[in-house]
Full PDB file with SEQRES, HELIX, SHEET, SSBOND, CRYST1, ORIGX, SCALE, CONECT and MASTER records, all heavy atoms in Angstrom:
SEQRES   1 A   32  ARG TRP CYS ALA ILE PHE GLU ALA LEU ALA LYS PRO GLY          
SEQRES   2 A   32  GLU ASP GLY VAL VAL LEU SER LEU ASP SER THR SER ILE          
SEQRES   3 A   32  LYS ALA HIS ARG CYS ALA                                      
HELIX    1 AA1 TRP A    2  LEU A    9  1                                   8    
CRYST1    1.000    1.000    1.000  90.00  90.00  90.00 P 1           1          
ORIGX1      1.000000  0.000000  0.000000        0.00000                         
ORIGX2      0.000000  1.000000  0.000000        0.00000                         
ORIGX3      0.000000  0.000000  1.000000        0.00000                         
SCALE1      1.000000  0.000000  0.000000        0.00000                         
SCALE2      0.000000  1.000000  0.000000        0.00000                         
SCALE3      0.000000  0.000000  1.000000        0.00000                         
ATOM      1  N   ARG A   1      -4.814   8.738  10.748  1.00  0.00           N  
ATOM      2  CA  ARG A   1      -5.718   9.394   9.803  1.00  0.00           C  
ATOM      3  C   ARG A   1      -5.368   9.070   8.443  1.00  0.00           C  
ATOM      4  O   ARG A   1      -6.211   8.792   7.575  1.00  0.00           O  
ATOM      5  CB  ARG A   1      -5.662  10.858  10.025  1.00  0.00           C  
ATOM      6  CG  ARG A   1      -6.072  11.314  11.461  1.00  0.00           C  
ATOM      7  CD  ARG A   1      -7.536  11.166  11.702  1.00  0.00           C  
ATOM      8  NE  ARG A   1      -7.886  11.751  13.064  1.00  0.00           N  
ATOM      9  CZ  ARG A   1      -9.073  11.561  13.545  1.00  0.00           C  
ATOM     10  NH1 ARG A   1     -10.047  10.861  13.001  1.00  0.00           N  
ATOM     11  NH2 ARG A   1      -9.437  12.157  14.721  1.00  0.00           N  
ATOM     12  N   TRP A   2      -4.018   9.150   8.051  1.00  0.00           N  
ATOM     13  CA  TRP A   2      -3.613   8.922   6.669  1.00  0.00           C  
ATOM     14  C   TRP A   2      -3.907   7.499   6.234  1.00  0.00           C  
ATOM     15  O   TRP A   2      -4.319   7.278   5.102  1.00  0.00           O  
ATOM     16  CB  TRP A   2      -2.124   9.282   6.571  1.00  0.00           C  
ATOM     17  CG  TRP A   2      -1.720  10.663   6.869  1.00  0.00           C  
ATOM     18  CD1 TRP A   2      -0.900  11.050   7.956  1.00  0.00           C  
ATOM     19  CD2 TRP A   2      -2.119  11.885   6.302  1.00  0.00           C  
ATOM     20  NE1 TRP A   2      -0.764  12.376   7.967  1.00  0.00           N  
ATOM     21  CE2 TRP A   2      -1.565  12.887   6.991  1.00  0.00           C  
ATOM     22  CE3 TRP A   2      -2.962  12.118   5.196  1.00  0.00           C  
ATOM     23  CZ2 TRP A   2      -1.726  14.263   6.660  1.00  0.00           C  
ATOM     24  CZ3 TRP A   2      -3.167  13.540   4.865  1.00  0.00           C  
ATOM     25  CH2 TRP A   2      -2.569  14.536   5.593  1.00  0.00           C  
ATOM     26  N   CYS A   3      -3.681   6.620   7.117  1.00  0.00           N  
ATOM     27  CA  CYS A   3      -3.974   5.177   6.875  1.00  0.00           C  
ATOM     28  C   CYS A   3      -5.457   4.968   6.637  1.00  0.00           C  
ATOM     29  O   CYS A   3      -5.899   4.273   5.698  1.00  0.00           O  
ATOM     30  CB  CYS A   3      -3.524   4.272   7.974  1.00  0.00           C  
ATOM     31  SG  CYS A   3      -3.862   2.549   7.766  1.00  0.00           S  
ATOM     32  N   ALA A   4      -6.270   5.647   7.442  1.00  0.00           N  
ATOM     33  CA  ALA A   4      -7.761   5.537   7.292  1.00  0.00           C  
ATOM     34  C   ALA A   4      -8.220   6.133   5.951  1.00  0.00           C  
ATOM     35  O   ALA A   4      -9.086   5.541   5.307  1.00  0.00           O  
ATOM     36  CB  ALA A   4      -8.460   6.215   8.497  1.00  0.00           C  
ATOM     37  N   ILE A   5      -7.641   7.188   5.526  1.00  0.00           N  
ATOM     38  CA  ILE A   5      -8.041   7.781   4.260  1.00  0.00           C  
ATOM     39  C   ILE A   5      -7.686   6.864   3.096  1.00  0.00           C  
ATOM     40  O   ILE A   5      -8.416   6.706   2.111  1.00  0.00           O  
ATOM     41  CB  ILE A   5      -7.370   9.191   4.107  1.00  0.00           C  
ATOM     42  CG1 ILE A   5      -7.938  10.164   5.154  1.00  0.00           C  
ATOM     43  CG2 ILE A   5      -7.681   9.719   2.625  1.00  0.00           C  
ATOM     44  CD1 ILE A   5      -7.204  11.472   5.220  1.00  0.00           C  
ATOM     45  N   PHE A   6      -6.450   6.281   3.172  1.00  0.00           N  
ATOM     46  CA  PHE A   6      -6.043   5.332   2.161  1.00  0.00           C  
ATOM     47  C   PHE A   6      -6.993   4.126   2.144  1.00  0.00           C  
ATOM     48  O   PHE A   6      -7.433   3.751   1.003  1.00  0.00           O  
ATOM     49  CB  PHE A   6      -4.612   4.855   2.503  1.00  0.00           C  
ATOM     50  CG  PHE A   6      -4.068   3.791   1.583  1.00  0.00           C  
ATOM     51  CD1 PHE A   6      -3.535   4.183   0.353  1.00  0.00           C  
ATOM     52  CD2 PHE A   6      -4.215   2.466   1.933  1.00  0.00           C  
ATOM     53  CE1 PHE A   6      -3.069   3.117  -0.488  1.00  0.00           C  
ATOM     54  CE2 PHE A   6      -3.716   1.432   1.089  1.00  0.00           C  
ATOM     55  CZ  PHE A   6      -3.144   1.774  -0.113  1.00  0.00           C  
ATOM     56  N   GLU A   7      -7.308   3.628   3.244  1.00  0.00           N  
ATOM     57  CA  GLU A   7      -8.169   2.434   3.268  1.00  0.00           C  
ATOM     58  C   GLU A   7      -9.590   2.774   2.727  1.00  0.00           C  
ATOM     59  O   GLU A   7     -10.272   1.907   2.100  1.00  0.00           O  
ATOM     60  CB  GLU A   7      -8.355   1.871   4.678  1.00  0.00           C  
ATOM     61  CG  GLU A   7      -7.063   1.272   5.180  1.00  0.00           C  
ATOM     62  CD  GLU A   7      -7.139   0.766   6.619  1.00  0.00           C  
ATOM     63  OE1 GLU A   7      -8.152   1.133   7.290  1.00  0.00           O  
ATOM     64  OE2 GLU A   7      -6.233   0.041   7.047  1.00  0.00           O  
ATOM     65  N   ALA A   8     -10.022   3.957   2.902  1.00  0.00           N  
ATOM     66  CA  ALA A   8     -11.332   4.427   2.392  1.00  0.00           C  
ATOM     67  C   ALA A   8     -11.372   4.587   0.850  1.00  0.00           C  
ATOM     68  O   ALA A   8     -12.399   4.347   0.266  1.00  0.00           O  
ATOM     69  CB  ALA A   8     -11.773   5.801   3.023  1.00  0.00           C  
ATOM     70  N   LEU A   9     -10.227   4.931   0.290  1.00  0.00           N  
ATOM     71  CA  LEU A   9     -10.198   5.196  -1.089  1.00  0.00           C  
ATOM     72  C   LEU A   9      -9.581   4.135  -1.967  1.00  0.00           C  
ATOM     73  O   LEU A   9      -9.814   4.004  -3.146  1.00  0.00           O  
ATOM     74  CB  LEU A   9      -9.413   6.500  -1.376  1.00  0.00           C  
ATOM     75  CG  LEU A   9     -10.084   7.802  -0.874  1.00  0.00           C  
ATOM     76  CD1 LEU A   9      -9.146   9.017  -1.099  1.00  0.00           C  
ATOM     77  CD2 LEU A   9     -11.459   8.010  -1.488  1.00  0.00           C  
ATOM     78  N   ALA A  10      -8.732   3.309  -1.425  1.00  0.00           N  
ATOM     79  CA  ALA A  10      -8.067   2.219  -2.095  1.00  0.00           C  
ATOM     80  C   ALA A  10      -8.910   0.965  -2.219  1.00  0.00           C  
ATOM     81  O   ALA A  10      -8.755   0.027  -1.457  1.00  0.00           O  
ATOM     82  CB  ALA A  10      -6.672   1.909  -1.413  1.00  0.00           C  
ATOM     83  N   LYS A  11      -9.883   1.032  -3.176  1.00  0.00           N  
ATOM     84  CA  LYS A  11     -10.821  -0.059  -3.288  1.00  0.00           C  
ATOM     85  C   LYS A  11     -10.713  -0.626  -4.697  1.00  0.00           C  
ATOM     86  O   LYS A  11     -11.203   0.044  -5.700  1.00  0.00           O  
ATOM     87  CB  LYS A  11     -12.192   0.481  -3.027  1.00  0.00           C  
ATOM     88  CG  LYS A  11     -12.452   1.104  -1.704  1.00  0.00           C  
ATOM     89  CD  LYS A  11     -12.412   0.030  -0.561  1.00  0.00           C  
ATOM     90  CE  LYS A  11     -12.792   0.690   0.785  1.00  0.00           C  
ATOM     91  NZ  LYS A  11     -12.604  -0.363   1.851  1.00  0.00           N  
ATOM     92  N   PRO A  12     -10.096  -1.812  -4.932  1.00  0.00           N  
ATOM     93  CA  PRO A  12     -10.111  -2.354  -6.255  1.00  0.00           C  
ATOM     94  C   PRO A  12     -11.447  -2.975  -6.573  1.00  0.00           C  
ATOM     95  O   PRO A  12     -12.378  -2.973  -5.789  1.00  0.00           O  
ATOM     96  CB  PRO A  12      -9.065  -3.542  -6.127  1.00  0.00           C  
ATOM     97  CG  PRO A  12      -9.194  -3.934  -4.682  1.00  0.00           C  
ATOM     98  CD  PRO A  12      -9.484  -2.601  -3.949  1.00  0.00           C  
ATOM     99  N   GLY A  13     -11.630  -3.398  -7.811  1.00  0.00           N  
ATOM    100  CA  GLY A  13     -12.918  -4.012  -8.214  1.00  0.00           C  
ATOM    101  C   GLY A  13     -13.213  -5.281  -7.342  1.00  0.00           C  
ATOM    102  O   GLY A  13     -12.341  -5.890  -6.822  1.00  0.00           O  
ATOM    103  N   GLU A  14     -14.447  -5.597  -7.233  1.00  0.00           N  
ATOM    104  CA  GLU A  14     -14.908  -6.670  -6.303  1.00  0.00           C  
ATOM    105  C   GLU A  14     -14.848  -8.017  -6.965  1.00  0.00           C  
ATOM    106  O   GLU A  14     -14.817  -9.045  -6.291  1.00  0.00           O  
ATOM    107  CB  GLU A  14     -16.296  -6.389  -5.806  1.00  0.00           C  
ATOM    108  CG  GLU A  14     -16.417  -5.100  -4.872  1.00  0.00           C  
ATOM    109  CD  GLU A  14     -17.753  -4.843  -4.358  1.00  0.00           C  
ATOM    110  OE1 GLU A  14     -18.651  -5.692  -4.779  1.00  0.00           O  
ATOM    111  OE2 GLU A  14     -17.970  -3.891  -3.670  1.00  0.00           O  
ATOM    112  N   ASP A  15     -14.875  -8.093  -8.227  1.00  0.00           N  
ATOM    113  CA  ASP A  15     -15.059  -9.486  -8.889  1.00  0.00           C  
ATOM    114  C   ASP A  15     -13.784  -9.867  -9.563  1.00  0.00           C  
ATOM    115  O   ASP A  15     -13.148  -9.117 -10.419  1.00  0.00           O  
ATOM    116  CB  ASP A  15     -16.146  -9.391 -10.005  1.00  0.00           C  
ATOM    117  CG  ASP A  15     -17.506  -9.043  -9.425  1.00  0.00           C  
ATOM    118  OD1 ASP A  15     -17.765  -9.531  -8.313  1.00  0.00           O  
ATOM    119  OD2 ASP A  15     -18.286  -8.343 -10.058  1.00  0.00           O  
ATOM    120  N   GLY A  16     -13.294 -11.093  -9.259  1.00  0.00           N  
ATOM    121  CA  GLY A  16     -12.125 -11.662  -9.937  1.00  0.00           C  
ATOM    122  C   GLY A  16     -10.886 -10.816  -9.768  1.00  0.00           C  
ATOM    123  O   GLY A  16     -10.174 -10.583 -10.851  1.00  0.00           O  
ATOM    124  N   VAL A  17     -10.590 -10.258  -8.645  1.00  0.00           N  
ATOM    125  CA  VAL A  17      -9.413  -9.451  -8.482  1.00  0.00           C  
ATOM    126  C   VAL A  17      -8.076 -10.254  -8.494  1.00  0.00           C  
ATOM    127  O   VAL A  17      -7.977 -11.174  -7.807  1.00  0.00           O  
ATOM    128  CB  VAL A  17      -9.516  -8.611  -7.167  1.00  0.00           C  
ATOM    129  CG1 VAL A  17      -8.209  -7.757  -6.993  1.00  0.00           C  
ATOM    130  CG2 VAL A  17     -10.710  -7.707  -7.189  1.00  0.00           C  
ATOM    131  N   VAL A  18      -7.160  -9.820  -9.351  1.00  0.00           N  
ATOM    132  CA  VAL A  18      -5.903 -10.456  -9.439  1.00  0.00           C  
ATOM    133  C   VAL A  18      -4.882  -9.446  -8.750  1.00  0.00           C  
ATOM    134  O   VAL A  18      -4.719  -8.345  -9.151  1.00  0.00           O  
ATOM    135  CB  VAL A  18      -5.394 -10.651 -10.854  1.00  0.00           C  
ATOM    136  CG1 VAL A  18      -3.947 -11.269 -10.880  1.00  0.00           C  
ATOM    137  CG2 VAL A  18      -6.365 -11.596 -11.583  1.00  0.00           C  
ATOM    138  N   LEU A  19      -4.237  -9.930  -7.616  1.00  0.00           N  
ATOM    139  CA  LEU A  19      -3.336  -9.079  -6.922  1.00  0.00           C  
ATOM    140  C   LEU A  19      -1.908  -9.615  -6.942  1.00  0.00           C  
ATOM    141  O   LEU A  19      -1.695 -10.861  -7.131  1.00  0.00           O  
ATOM    142  CB  LEU A  19      -3.809  -8.989  -5.447  1.00  0.00           C  
ATOM    143  CG  LEU A  19      -5.119  -8.452  -5.126  1.00  0.00           C  
ATOM    144  CD1 LEU A  19      -5.367  -8.367  -3.664  1.00  0.00           C  
ATOM    145  CD2 LEU A  19      -5.239  -7.011  -5.754  1.00  0.00           C  
ATOM    146  N   SER A  20      -0.932  -8.704  -6.957  1.00  0.00           N  
ATOM    147  CA  SER A  20       0.492  -9.105  -6.941  1.00  0.00           C  
ATOM    148  C   SER A  20       1.110  -8.741  -5.677  1.00  0.00           C  
ATOM    149  O   SER A  20       0.848  -7.590  -5.126  1.00  0.00           O  
ATOM    150  CB  SER A  20       1.165  -8.360  -8.123  1.00  0.00           C  
ATOM    151  OG  SER A  20       0.688  -8.768  -9.361  1.00  0.00           O  
ATOM    152  N   LEU A  21       1.954  -9.594  -5.146  1.00  0.00           N  
ATOM    153  CA  LEU A  21       2.618  -9.397  -3.876  1.00  0.00           C  
ATOM    154  C   LEU A  21       4.120  -9.292  -3.981  1.00  0.00           C  
ATOM    155  O   LEU A  21       4.737 -10.083  -4.687  1.00  0.00           O  
ATOM    156  CB  LEU A  21       2.248 -10.605  -2.891  1.00  0.00           C  
ATOM    157  CG  LEU A  21       3.030 -10.638  -1.576  1.00  0.00           C  
ATOM    158  CD1 LEU A  21       2.638  -9.475  -0.654  1.00  0.00           C  
ATOM    159  CD2 LEU A  21       2.631 -12.008  -0.907  1.00  0.00           C  
ATOM    160  N   ASP A  22       4.759  -8.317  -3.364  1.00  0.00           N  
ATOM    161  CA  ASP A  22       6.201  -8.178  -3.440  1.00  0.00           C  
ATOM    162  C   ASP A  22       6.597  -7.159  -2.460  1.00  0.00           C  
ATOM    163  O   ASP A  22       5.798  -6.581  -1.699  1.00  0.00           O  
ATOM    164  CB  ASP A  22       6.667  -7.796  -4.790  1.00  0.00           C  
ATOM    165  CG  ASP A  22       8.068  -8.283  -5.090  1.00  0.00           C  
ATOM    166  OD1 ASP A  22       8.768  -8.756  -4.158  1.00  0.00           O  
ATOM    167  OD2 ASP A  22       8.572  -8.161  -6.224  1.00  0.00           O  
ATOM    168  N   SER A  23       7.951  -6.968  -2.263  1.00  0.00           N  
ATOM    169  CA  SER A  23       8.484  -5.962  -1.403  1.00  0.00           C  
ATOM    170  C   SER A  23       9.601  -5.175  -2.086  1.00  0.00           C  
ATOM    171  O   SER A  23      10.134  -5.622  -3.128  1.00  0.00           O  
ATOM    172  CB  SER A  23       9.029  -6.587  -0.120  1.00  0.00           C  
ATOM    173  OG  SER A  23      10.269  -7.293  -0.373  1.00  0.00           O  
ATOM    174  N   THR A  24       9.978  -4.059  -1.583  1.00  0.00           N  
ATOM    175  CA  THR A  24      11.121  -3.285  -1.992  1.00  0.00           C  
ATOM    176  C   THR A  24      11.879  -2.715  -0.796  1.00  0.00           C  
ATOM    177  O   THR A  24      11.228  -2.405   0.249  1.00  0.00           O  
ATOM    178  CB  THR A  24      10.692  -2.170  -2.958  1.00  0.00           C  
ATOM    179  OG1 THR A  24      11.799  -1.525  -3.459  1.00  0.00           O  
ATOM    180  CG2 THR A  24       9.862  -1.068  -2.197  1.00  0.00           C  
ATOM    181  N   SER A  25      13.186  -2.616  -0.916  1.00  0.00           N  
ATOM    182  CA  SER A  25      14.015  -2.139   0.248  1.00  0.00           C  
ATOM    183  C   SER A  25      14.252  -0.669   0.013  1.00  0.00           C  
ATOM    184  O   SER A  25      14.502  -0.160  -1.054  1.00  0.00           O  
ATOM    185  CB  SER A  25      15.283  -2.851   0.257  1.00  0.00           C  
ATOM    186  OG  SER A  25      15.136  -4.236   0.554  1.00  0.00           O  
ATOM    187  N   ILE A  26      14.182   0.024   1.179  1.00  0.00           N  
ATOM    188  CA  ILE A  26      14.363   1.515   1.231  1.00  0.00           C  
ATOM    189  C   ILE A  26      15.521   1.856   2.149  1.00  0.00           C  
ATOM    190  O   ILE A  26      15.557   1.357   3.258  1.00  0.00           O  
ATOM    191  CB  ILE A  26      13.086   2.199   1.744  1.00  0.00           C  
ATOM    192  CG1 ILE A  26      11.891   1.815   0.897  1.00  0.00           C  
ATOM    193  CG2 ILE A  26      13.367   3.737   1.750  1.00  0.00           C  
ATOM    194  CD1 ILE A  26      12.006   2.284  -0.543  1.00  0.00           C  
ATOM    195  N   LYS A  27      16.515   2.545   1.649  1.00  0.00           N  
ATOM    196  CA  LYS A  27      17.616   2.950   2.434  1.00  0.00           C  
ATOM    197  C   LYS A  27      17.198   3.955   3.484  1.00  0.00           C  
ATOM    198  O   LYS A  27      16.472   4.918   3.241  1.00  0.00           O  
ATOM    199  CB  LYS A  27      18.704   3.578   1.525  1.00  0.00           C  
ATOM    200  CG  LYS A  27      19.992   3.961   2.233  1.00  0.00           C  
ATOM    201  CD  LYS A  27      20.866   2.761   2.406  1.00  0.00           C  
ATOM    202  CE  LYS A  27      22.273   3.132   2.877  1.00  0.00           C  
ATOM    203  NZ  LYS A  27      23.114   1.915   3.084  1.00  0.00           N  
ATOM    204  N   ALA A  28      17.570   3.671   4.768  1.00  0.00           N  
ATOM    205  CA  ALA A  28      17.297   4.578   5.847  1.00  0.00           C  
ATOM    206  C   ALA A  28      18.431   5.542   5.999  1.00  0.00           C  
ATOM    207  O   ALA A  28      19.582   5.189   6.189  1.00  0.00           O  
ATOM    208  CB  ALA A  28      17.097   3.803   7.181  1.00  0.00           C  
ATOM    209  N   HIS A  29      18.114   6.890   5.848  1.00  0.00           N  
ATOM    210  CA  HIS A  29      19.127   7.894   6.065  1.00  0.00           C  
ATOM    211  C   HIS A  29      19.600   8.011   7.489  1.00  0.00           C  
ATOM    212  O   HIS A  29      18.850   7.540   8.359  1.00  0.00           O  
ATOM    213  CB  HIS A  29      18.536   9.343   5.613  1.00  0.00           C  
ATOM    214  CG  HIS A  29      19.527  10.357   5.490  1.00  0.00           C  
ATOM    215  ND1 HIS A  29      19.860  11.193   6.558  1.00  0.00           N  
ATOM    216  CD2 HIS A  29      20.151  10.846   4.383  1.00  0.00           C  
ATOM    217  CE1 HIS A  29      20.663  12.097   6.124  1.00  0.00           C  
ATOM    218  NE2 HIS A  29      20.911  11.938   4.810  1.00  0.00           N  
ATOM    219  N   ARG A  30      20.758   8.500   7.724  1.00  0.00           N  
ATOM    220  CA  ARG A  30      21.276   8.573   9.103  1.00  0.00           C  
ATOM    221  C   ARG A  30      20.373   9.333  10.044  1.00  0.00           C  
ATOM    222  O   ARG A  30      20.295   9.089  11.254  1.00  0.00           O  
ATOM    223  CB  ARG A  30      22.668   9.112   9.136  1.00  0.00           C  
ATOM    224  CG  ARG A  30      22.826  10.566   8.744  1.00  0.00           C  
ATOM    225  CD  ARG A  30      24.308  11.019   8.831  1.00  0.00           C  
ATOM    226  NE  ARG A  30      24.467  12.369   8.378  1.00  0.00           N  
ATOM    227  CZ  ARG A  30      24.317  13.405   9.142  1.00  0.00           C  
ATOM    228  NH1 ARG A  30      23.973  13.220  10.440  1.00  0.00           N  
ATOM    229  NH2 ARG A  30      24.479  14.669   8.724  1.00  0.00           N  
ATOM    230  N   CYS A  31      19.654  10.351   9.446  1.00  0.00           N  
ATOM    231  CA  CYS A  31      18.726  11.139  10.326  1.00  0.00           C  
ATOM    232  C   CYS A  31      17.436  10.298  10.736  1.00  0.00           C  
ATOM    233  O   CYS A  31      16.678  10.808  11.561  1.00  0.00           O  
ATOM    234  CB  CYS A  31      18.315  12.423   9.649  1.00  0.00           C  
ATOM    235  SG  CYS A  31      17.261  12.247   8.171  1.00  0.00           S  
ATOM    236  N   ALA A  32      17.258   9.147  10.116  1.00  0.00           N  
ATOM    237  CA  ALA A  32      16.174   8.230  10.588  1.00  0.00           C  
ATOM    238  C   ALA A  32      16.479   7.537  11.905  1.00  0.00           C  
ATOM    239  O   ALA A  32      15.678   6.854  12.462  1.00  0.00           O  
ATOM    240  CB  ALA A  32      15.842   7.228   9.485  1.00  0.00           C  
TER     241      ALA A  32                                                      
MASTER        0    0    0    1    0    0    0    6  240    1    0    3          
END                                                                             
């Protein structure tokens, strides 16, 4: 459900969209 809501609302402009691609590392706590 949360992914579906995000996809419904995360809409950039349709013309000439410039997108940036990258990643970031997240430390996993021991309780993960």
